[in-house]
Amino acid sequence: MAVIDANGLVLGRLASVVAKRLLLGENITIVNAEKAVVVGNKEDIIERYRQKRERGHKYKGPFFPKMPHLIVKRTIRGMLPWKSRRGREAFKRLKVYIGVPEELKNSKMETIEEAKLGRKGSGAIKFMSVGEISRYLGWKG
């Protein structure tokens, strides 16, 4: 079982790497989901996630989560072949947590180098954490 610390990792890059590893049969746990970041202009990010949240019918869906660990999970789900049996079984091997749970405190955590924020020569980067986005969507945490 791989434990990945999402602190400072770009959400889309993290999700694509994790989705590939899930499809290969690996069990993956992501901690510190609220500290993953989305790159872009603050107003554009908030508007994009607000539209996802308000889309659809109140009772029939599609539903989009407010909580940070569920936003990360939903992003990874979007990169899996969800409508096939293989994709659904891969998704069951994923666990995402806000913070670090007590049972994982002593485990060795890895990071994904290609998903880190800020590459050489990129200069100042505008970004928002998933926790901040969740608060704009109405999460009380």
N, C-alpha and C. Protein backbone atom coordinates (compact mmCIF):
# COMPACT_ATOMS: atom_id res chain seq x y z
N MET A 1 0.84 -1.19 0.00
CA MET A 1 0.00 0.00 0.00
C MET A 1 0.88 1.24 0.00
N ALA A 2 0.64 2.15 -0.93
CA ALA A 2 1.40 3.39 -1.02
C ALA A 2 0.65 4.50 -0.30
N VAL A 3 1.37 5.28 0.50
CA VAL A 3 0.79 6.44 1.18
C VAL A 3 1.41 7.68 0.55
N ILE A 4 0.59 8.53 -0.05
CA ILE A 4 1.08 9.73 -0.75
C ILE A 4 0.65 10.96 0.02
N ASP A 5 1.61 11.86 0.27
CA ASP A 5 1.32 13.13 0.93
C ASP A 5 1.03 14.16 -0.16
N ALA A 6 -0.19 14.72 -0.17
CA ALA A 6 -0.61 15.65 -1.22
C ALA A 6 -0.21 17.09 -0.95
N ASN A 7 0.54 17.34 0.10
CA ASN A 7 0.93 18.70 0.48
C ASN A 7 1.74 19.37 -0.63
N GLY A 8 1.18 20.42 -1.25
CA GLY A 8 1.88 21.18 -2.28
C GLY A 8 1.90 20.54 -3.65
N LEU A 9 1.13 19.47 -3.86
CA LEU A 9 1.09 18.83 -5.17
C LEU A 9 -0.07 19.38 -5.99
N VAL A 10 0.15 19.53 -7.30
CA VAL A 10 -0.89 20.03 -8.20
C VAL A 10 -1.93 18.92 -8.39
N LEU A 11 -3.20 19.26 -8.17
CA LEU A 11 -4.27 18.27 -8.14
C LEU A 11 -4.38 17.46 -9.43
N GLY A 12 -4.37 18.09 -10.57
CA GLY A 12 -4.53 17.38 -11.84
C GLY A 12 -3.40 16.42 -12.12
N ARG A 13 -2.18 16.84 -11.86
CA ARG A 13 -1.02 15.97 -12.08
C ARG A 13 -1.03 14.81 -11.10
N LEU A 14 -1.37 15.09 -9.85
CA LEU A 14 -1.48 14.04 -8.83
C LEU A 14 -2.53 13.01 -9.25
N ALA A 15 -3.68 13.50 -9.70
CA ALA A 15 -4.79 12.62 -10.07
C ALA A 15 -4.43 11.72 -11.24
N SER A 16 -3.73 12.25 -12.24
CA SER A 16 -3.40 11.43 -13.40
C SER A 16 -2.41 10.33 -13.05
N VAL A 17 -1.43 10.63 -12.21
CA VAL A 17 -0.44 9.62 -11.80
C VAL A 17 -1.11 8.55 -10.93
N VAL A 18 -1.94 8.98 -9.99
CA VAL A 18 -2.63 8.05 -9.11
C VAL A 18 -3.58 7.16 -9.90
N ALA A 19 -4.30 7.71 -10.87
CA ALA A 19 -5.23 6.92 -11.68
C ALA A 19 -4.50 5.81 -12.44
N LYS A 20 -3.35 6.13 -12.99
CA LYS A 20 -2.56 5.11 -13.70
C LYS A 20 -2.13 4.00 -12.76
N ARG A 21 -1.68 4.39 -11.56
CA ARG A 21 -1.22 3.39 -10.60
C ARG A 21 -2.38 2.54 -10.07
N LEU A 22 -3.56 3.12 -9.92
CA LEU A 22 -4.73 2.35 -9.49
C LEU A 22 -5.12 1.32 -10.55
N LEU A 23 -5.03 1.70 -11.81
CA LEU A 23 -5.37 0.78 -12.89
C LEU A 23 -4.39 -0.38 -12.98
N LEU A 24 -3.18 -0.18 -12.48
CA LEU A 24 -2.18 -1.25 -12.45
C LEU A 24 -2.36 -2.18 -11.25
N GLY A 25 -3.35 -1.89 -10.38
CA GLY A 25 -3.66 -2.79 -9.28
C GLY A 25 -3.09 -2.38 -7.93
N GLU A 26 -2.56 -1.18 -7.81
CA GLU A 26 -1.96 -0.72 -6.57
C GLU A 26 -3.03 -0.16 -5.62
N ASN A 27 -2.86 -0.37 -4.31
CA ASN A 27 -3.70 0.25 -3.29
C ASN A 27 -3.04 1.56 -2.89
N ILE A 28 -3.77 2.67 -2.96
CA ILE A 28 -3.18 3.98 -2.70
C ILE A 28 -4.00 4.72 -1.66
N THR A 29 -3.29 5.35 -0.71
CA THR A 29 -3.90 6.20 0.30
C THR A 29 -3.30 7.59 0.15
N ILE A 30 -4.13 8.61 0.08
CA ILE A 30 -3.67 9.99 -0.03
C ILE A 30 -4.01 10.70 1.27
N VAL A 31 -3.01 11.37 1.87
CA VAL A 31 -3.23 12.14 3.10
C VAL A 31 -3.01 13.62 2.81
N ASN A 32 -3.49 14.48 3.69
CA ASN A 32 -3.40 15.94 3.53
C ASN A 32 -4.05 16.41 2.23
N ALA A 33 -5.23 15.90 1.94
CA ALA A 33 -5.93 16.24 0.69
C ALA A 33 -6.24 17.72 0.60
N GLU A 34 -6.49 18.37 1.74
CA GLU A 34 -6.85 19.79 1.73
C GLU A 34 -5.67 20.68 1.35
N LYS A 35 -4.45 20.14 1.32
CA LYS A 35 -3.26 20.93 1.00
C LYS A 35 -2.81 20.77 -0.45
N ALA A 36 -3.53 19.97 -1.24
CA ALA A 36 -3.25 19.89 -2.67
C ALA A 36 -3.66 21.22 -3.30
N VAL A 37 -3.04 21.60 -4.42
CA VAL A 37 -3.31 22.91 -5.00
C VAL A 37 -3.86 22.79 -6.43
N VAL A 38 -4.63 23.81 -6.81
CA VAL A 38 -5.13 23.96 -8.17
C VAL A 38 -4.50 25.23 -8.71
N VAL A 39 -3.83 25.13 -9.85
CA VAL A 39 -3.10 26.26 -10.42
C VAL A 39 -4.02 27.08 -11.30
N GLY A 40 -3.93 28.41 -11.15
CA GLY A 40 -4.72 29.31 -11.98
C GLY A 40 -5.10 30.56 -11.22
N ASN A 41 -5.83 31.43 -11.89
CA ASN A 41 -6.31 32.66 -11.29
C ASN A 41 -7.41 32.34 -10.28
N LYS A 42 -7.37 32.97 -9.11
CA LYS A 42 -8.28 32.65 -8.01
C LYS A 42 -9.75 32.76 -8.42
N GLU A 43 -10.12 33.83 -9.08
CA GLU A 43 -11.51 34.04 -9.47
C GLU A 43 -11.98 32.97 -10.46
N ASP A 44 -11.09 32.61 -11.40
CA ASP A 44 -11.45 31.59 -12.39
C ASP A 44 -11.65 30.22 -11.74
N ILE A 45 -10.79 29.89 -10.80
CA ILE A 45 -10.90 28.60 -10.10
C ILE A 45 -12.21 28.53 -9.33
N ILE A 46 -12.52 29.59 -8.58
CA ILE A 46 -13.74 29.62 -7.77
C ILE A 46 -14.96 29.50 -8.67
N GLU A 47 -14.99 30.24 -9.77
CA GLU A 47 -16.12 30.20 -10.69
C GLU A 47 -16.29 28.81 -11.30
N ARG A 48 -15.18 28.17 -11.71
CA ARG A 48 -15.25 26.85 -12.33
C ARG A 48 -15.81 25.81 -11.34
N TYR A 49 -15.34 25.84 -10.09
CA TYR A 49 -15.83 24.88 -9.11
C TYR A 49 -17.25 25.19 -8.65
N ARG A 50 -17.61 26.46 -8.61
CA ARG A 50 -18.99 26.83 -8.26
C ARG A 50 -19.95 26.32 -9.34
N GLN A 51 -19.57 26.43 -10.61
CA GLN A 51 -20.41 25.93 -11.69
C GLN A 51 -20.58 24.41 -11.60
N LYS A 52 -19.50 23.70 -11.27
CA LYS A 52 -19.59 22.25 -11.11
C LYS A 52 -20.55 21.89 -9.98
N ARG A 53 -20.50 22.66 -8.91
CA ARG A 53 -21.32 22.41 -7.73
C ARG A 53 -22.79 22.68 -8.01
N GLU A 54 -23.09 23.73 -8.78
CA GLU A 54 -24.48 24.14 -9.01
C GLU A 54 -25.11 23.47 -10.22
N ARG A 55 -24.35 22.72 -10.99
CA ARG A 55 -24.86 22.06 -12.19
C ARG A 55 -25.86 20.97 -11.81
N GLY A 56 -26.82 20.76 -12.64
CA GLY A 56 -27.73 19.65 -12.43
C GLY A 56 -28.94 20.00 -11.59
N HIS A 57 -29.66 18.99 -11.21
CA HIS A 57 -30.89 19.12 -10.45
C HIS A 57 -30.61 18.93 -8.97
N LYS A 58 -31.39 19.59 -8.14
CA LYS A 58 -31.19 19.53 -6.69
C LYS A 58 -31.28 18.10 -6.14
N TYR A 59 -32.18 17.31 -6.69
CA TYR A 59 -32.41 15.96 -6.18
C TYR A 59 -31.82 14.86 -7.07
N LYS A 60 -31.76 15.11 -8.37
CA LYS A 60 -31.34 14.06 -9.30
C LYS A 60 -29.86 14.09 -9.64
N GLY A 61 -29.18 15.21 -9.40
CA GLY A 61 -27.75 15.30 -9.70
C GLY A 61 -27.51 15.82 -11.09
N PRO A 62 -26.29 15.81 -11.57
CA PRO A 62 -25.09 15.26 -10.95
C PRO A 62 -24.66 16.08 -9.73
N PHE A 63 -24.13 15.39 -8.74
CA PHE A 63 -23.72 16.02 -7.49
C PHE A 63 -22.21 16.20 -7.47
N PHE A 64 -21.74 17.33 -6.97
CA PHE A 64 -20.30 17.58 -6.85
C PHE A 64 -20.03 17.90 -5.37
N PRO A 65 -18.99 17.32 -4.78
CA PRO A 65 -18.76 17.45 -3.34
C PRO A 65 -18.24 18.81 -2.92
N LYS A 66 -18.40 19.11 -1.61
CA LYS A 66 -17.85 20.32 -1.00
C LYS A 66 -16.56 20.02 -0.24
N MET A 67 -16.46 18.85 0.34
CA MET A 67 -15.35 18.53 1.23
C MET A 67 -14.08 18.24 0.43
N PRO A 68 -12.90 18.68 0.94
CA PRO A 68 -11.67 18.58 0.17
C PRO A 68 -11.27 17.15 -0.20
N HIS A 69 -11.41 16.19 0.70
CA HIS A 69 -11.01 14.83 0.36
C HIS A 69 -11.92 14.23 -0.70
N LEU A 70 -13.18 14.65 -0.72
CA LEU A 70 -14.10 14.16 -1.74
C LEU A 70 -13.86 14.84 -3.09
N ILE A 71 -13.41 16.10 -3.08
CA ILE A 71 -13.06 16.78 -4.33
C ILE A 71 -11.86 16.07 -4.98
N VAL A 72 -10.86 15.72 -4.17
CA VAL A 72 -9.68 15.00 -4.69
C VAL A 72 -10.12 13.65 -5.24
N LYS A 73 -10.97 12.95 -4.50
CA LYS A 73 -11.43 11.64 -4.93
C LYS A 73 -12.22 11.73 -6.23
N ARG A 74 -13.06 12.74 -6.36
CA ARG A 74 -13.87 12.93 -7.56
C ARG A 74 -12.98 13.27 -8.77
N THR A 75 -11.91 14.04 -8.54
CA THR A 75 -10.99 14.38 -9.62
C THR A 75 -10.29 13.12 -10.14
N ILE A 76 -9.88 12.25 -9.23
CA ILE A 76 -9.24 11.00 -9.63
C ILE A 76 -10.24 10.10 -10.35
N ARG A 77 -11.48 10.07 -9.87
CA ARG A 77 -12.53 9.27 -10.51
C ARG A 77 -12.74 9.70 -11.95
N GLY A 78 -12.62 11.00 -12.21
CA GLY A 78 -12.79 11.51 -13.56
C GLY A 78 -11.72 11.05 -14.52
N MET A 79 -10.59 10.57 -14.00
CA MET A 79 -9.50 10.10 -14.85
C MET A 79 -9.47 8.58 -14.96
N LEU A 80 -10.46 7.93 -14.39
CA LEU A 80 -10.58 6.48 -14.49
C LEU A 80 -11.71 6.13 -15.46
N PRO A 81 -11.65 4.96 -16.09
CA PRO A 81 -12.77 4.53 -16.94
C PRO A 81 -13.94 4.08 -16.06
N TRP A 82 -14.66 5.04 -15.50
CA TRP A 82 -15.66 4.82 -14.46
C TRP A 82 -16.80 3.91 -14.89
N LYS A 83 -17.14 3.93 -16.17
CA LYS A 83 -18.29 3.14 -16.62
C LYS A 83 -17.93 1.68 -16.89
N SER A 84 -16.68 1.32 -16.72
CA SER A 84 -16.29 -0.08 -16.90
C SER A 84 -16.01 -0.71 -15.53
N ARG A 85 -16.08 -2.00 -15.48
CA ARG A 85 -15.83 -2.74 -14.24
C ARG A 85 -14.41 -2.50 -13.73
N ARG A 86 -13.47 -2.46 -14.65
CA ARG A 86 -12.06 -2.24 -14.31
C ARG A 86 -11.85 -0.91 -13.60
N GLY A 87 -12.51 0.15 -14.08
CA GLY A 87 -12.37 1.47 -13.48
C GLY A 87 -13.00 1.55 -12.09
N ARG A 88 -14.15 0.93 -11.93
CA ARG A 88 -14.82 0.93 -10.62
C ARG A 88 -14.03 0.14 -9.59
N GLU A 89 -13.45 -0.98 -10.00
CA GLU A 89 -12.63 -1.77 -9.08
C GLU A 89 -11.35 -1.02 -8.71
N ALA A 90 -10.78 -0.29 -9.65
CA ALA A 90 -9.59 0.52 -9.36
C ALA A 90 -9.93 1.62 -8.36
N PHE A 91 -11.10 2.22 -8.52
CA PHE A 91 -11.52 3.30 -7.63
C PHE A 91 -11.71 2.82 -6.19
N LYS A 92 -12.10 1.57 -6.03
CA LYS A 92 -12.28 1.00 -4.69
C LYS A 92 -10.96 0.85 -3.94
N ARG A 93 -9.84 0.85 -4.67
CA ARG A 93 -8.52 0.72 -4.04
C ARG A 93 -7.95 2.05 -3.57
N LEU A 94 -8.73 3.13 -3.68
CA LEU A 94 -8.28 4.47 -3.31
C LEU A 94 -8.91 4.91 -1.99
N LYS A 95 -8.08 5.48 -1.12
CA LYS A 95 -8.56 6.09 0.12
C LYS A 95 -7.95 7.48 0.20
N VAL A 96 -8.75 8.49 0.58
CA VAL A 96 -8.28 9.87 0.68
C VAL A 96 -8.70 10.42 2.03
N TYR A 97 -7.77 11.11 2.71
CA TYR A 97 -8.03 11.65 4.05
C TYR A 97 -7.69 13.13 4.13
N ILE A 98 -8.44 13.84 4.99
CA ILE A 98 -8.08 15.20 5.37
C ILE A 98 -7.10 15.06 6.52
N GLY A 99 -5.94 15.69 6.40
CA GLY A 99 -4.92 15.53 7.44
C GLY A 99 -4.30 14.14 7.37
N VAL A 100 -3.63 13.75 8.49
CA VAL A 100 -3.02 12.43 8.56
C VAL A 100 -3.70 11.65 9.68
N PRO A 101 -4.38 10.54 9.37
CA PRO A 101 -5.03 9.76 10.42
C PRO A 101 -4.02 9.12 11.36
N GLU A 102 -4.48 8.80 12.54
CA GLU A 102 -3.62 8.25 13.60
C GLU A 102 -2.90 6.97 13.16
N GLU A 103 -3.59 6.08 12.43
CA GLU A 103 -2.99 4.80 12.05
C GLU A 103 -1.91 4.94 10.97
N LEU A 104 -1.85 6.11 10.31
CA LEU A 104 -0.85 6.32 9.25
C LEU A 104 0.27 7.27 9.66
N LYS A 105 0.28 7.73 10.92
CA LYS A 105 1.28 8.70 11.36
C LYS A 105 2.71 8.19 11.21
N ASN A 106 2.93 6.91 11.49
CA ASN A 106 4.29 6.36 11.47
C ASN A 106 4.68 5.72 10.15
N SER A 107 3.76 5.67 9.19
CA SER A 107 4.07 5.04 7.91
C SER A 107 4.91 5.97 7.04
N LYS A 108 5.67 5.36 6.14
CA LYS A 108 6.54 6.13 5.25
C LYS A 108 5.69 6.72 4.13
N MET A 109 5.75 8.06 4.01
CA MET A 109 4.95 8.74 3.00
C MET A 109 5.83 9.12 1.82
N GLU A 110 5.27 8.95 0.63
CA GLU A 110 6.00 9.32 -0.57
C GLU A 110 5.36 10.55 -1.20
N THR A 111 6.10 11.19 -2.08
CA THR A 111 5.57 12.31 -2.83
C THR A 111 5.78 12.04 -4.31
N ILE A 112 5.07 12.73 -5.16
CA ILE A 112 5.19 12.54 -6.60
C ILE A 112 5.93 13.74 -7.17
N GLU A 113 7.13 13.51 -7.64
CA GLU A 113 7.99 14.61 -8.11
C GLU A 113 7.38 15.38 -9.28
N GLU A 114 6.77 14.66 -10.24
CA GLU A 114 6.22 15.35 -11.42
C GLU A 114 4.96 16.13 -11.11
N ALA A 115 4.41 15.98 -9.90
CA ALA A 115 3.20 16.71 -9.52
C ALA A 115 3.49 17.90 -8.62
N LYS A 116 4.76 18.17 -8.33
CA LYS A 116 5.09 19.27 -7.42
C LYS A 116 4.80 20.62 -8.05
N LEU A 117 4.45 21.58 -7.19
CA LEU A 117 4.15 22.93 -7.63
C LEU A 117 5.45 23.67 -7.93
N GLY A 118 5.48 24.40 -9.02
CA GLY A 118 6.64 25.24 -9.34
C GLY A 118 7.77 24.46 -9.97
N ARG A 119 7.93 24.62 -11.25
CA ARG A 119 9.04 23.99 -11.95
C ARG A 119 10.10 25.04 -12.21
N LYS A 120 11.25 24.60 -12.68
CA LYS A 120 12.35 25.53 -12.94
C LYS A 120 11.94 26.61 -13.94
N GLY A 121 12.19 27.87 -13.59
CA GLY A 121 11.93 28.97 -14.49
C GLY A 121 10.46 29.33 -14.64
N SER A 122 9.61 28.82 -13.76
CA SER A 122 8.19 29.10 -13.91
C SER A 122 7.79 30.43 -13.29
N GLY A 123 8.65 31.00 -12.44
CA GLY A 123 8.35 32.30 -11.84
C GLY A 123 7.24 32.20 -10.81
N ALA A 124 6.53 33.31 -10.61
CA ALA A 124 5.44 33.34 -9.63
C ALA A 124 4.23 32.60 -10.19
N ILE A 125 3.69 31.69 -9.40
CA ILE A 125 2.55 30.88 -9.84
C ILE A 125 1.34 31.22 -8.97
N LYS A 126 0.21 31.44 -9.62
CA LYS A 126 -1.03 31.67 -8.89
C LYS A 126 -1.69 30.32 -8.65
N PHE A 127 -2.14 30.10 -7.42
CA PHE A 127 -2.80 28.84 -7.10
C PHE A 127 -3.69 29.00 -5.89
N MET A 128 -4.55 28.01 -5.68
CA MET A 128 -5.41 27.92 -4.50
C MET A 128 -5.35 26.49 -3.98
N SER A 129 -5.41 26.33 -2.67
CA SER A 129 -5.45 24.98 -2.12
C SER A 129 -6.87 24.44 -2.22
N VAL A 130 -7.00 23.13 -2.20
CA VAL A 130 -8.31 22.49 -2.28
C VAL A 130 -9.13 22.85 -1.03
N GLY A 131 -8.47 23.04 0.10
CA GLY A 131 -9.17 23.45 1.32
C GLY A 131 -9.83 24.82 1.17
N GLU A 132 -9.13 25.76 0.53
CA GLU A 132 -9.71 27.09 0.28
C GLU A 132 -10.91 27.00 -0.66
N ILE A 133 -10.79 26.19 -1.71
CA ILE A 133 -11.89 26.02 -2.65
C ILE A 133 -13.10 25.45 -1.92
N SER A 134 -12.87 24.49 -1.04
CA SER A 134 -13.96 23.87 -0.27
C SER A 134 -14.68 24.89 0.59
N ARG A 135 -13.93 25.79 1.20
CA ARG A 135 -14.56 26.81 2.04
C ARG A 135 -15.43 27.75 1.20
N TYR A 136 -14.99 28.07 -0.03
CA TYR A 136 -15.81 28.89 -0.92
C TYR A 136 -17.08 28.16 -1.35
N LEU A 137 -17.03 26.82 -1.42
CA LEU A 137 -18.20 26.04 -1.80
C LEU A 137 -19.16 25.81 -0.63
N GLY A 138 -18.72 26.14 0.59
CA GLY A 138 -19.61 26.03 1.73
C GLY A 138 -19.21 25.01 2.78
N TRP A 139 -18.01 24.45 2.68
CA TRP A 139 -17.54 23.48 3.67
C TRP A 139 -17.22 24.21 4.97
N LYS A 140 -17.65 23.67 6.09
CA LYS A 140 -17.49 24.35 7.38
C LYS A 140 -16.24 23.93 8.14
N GLY A 141 -15.39 23.06 7.56
CA GLY A 141 -14.25 22.48 8.27
C GLY A 141 -13.14 23.41 8.57
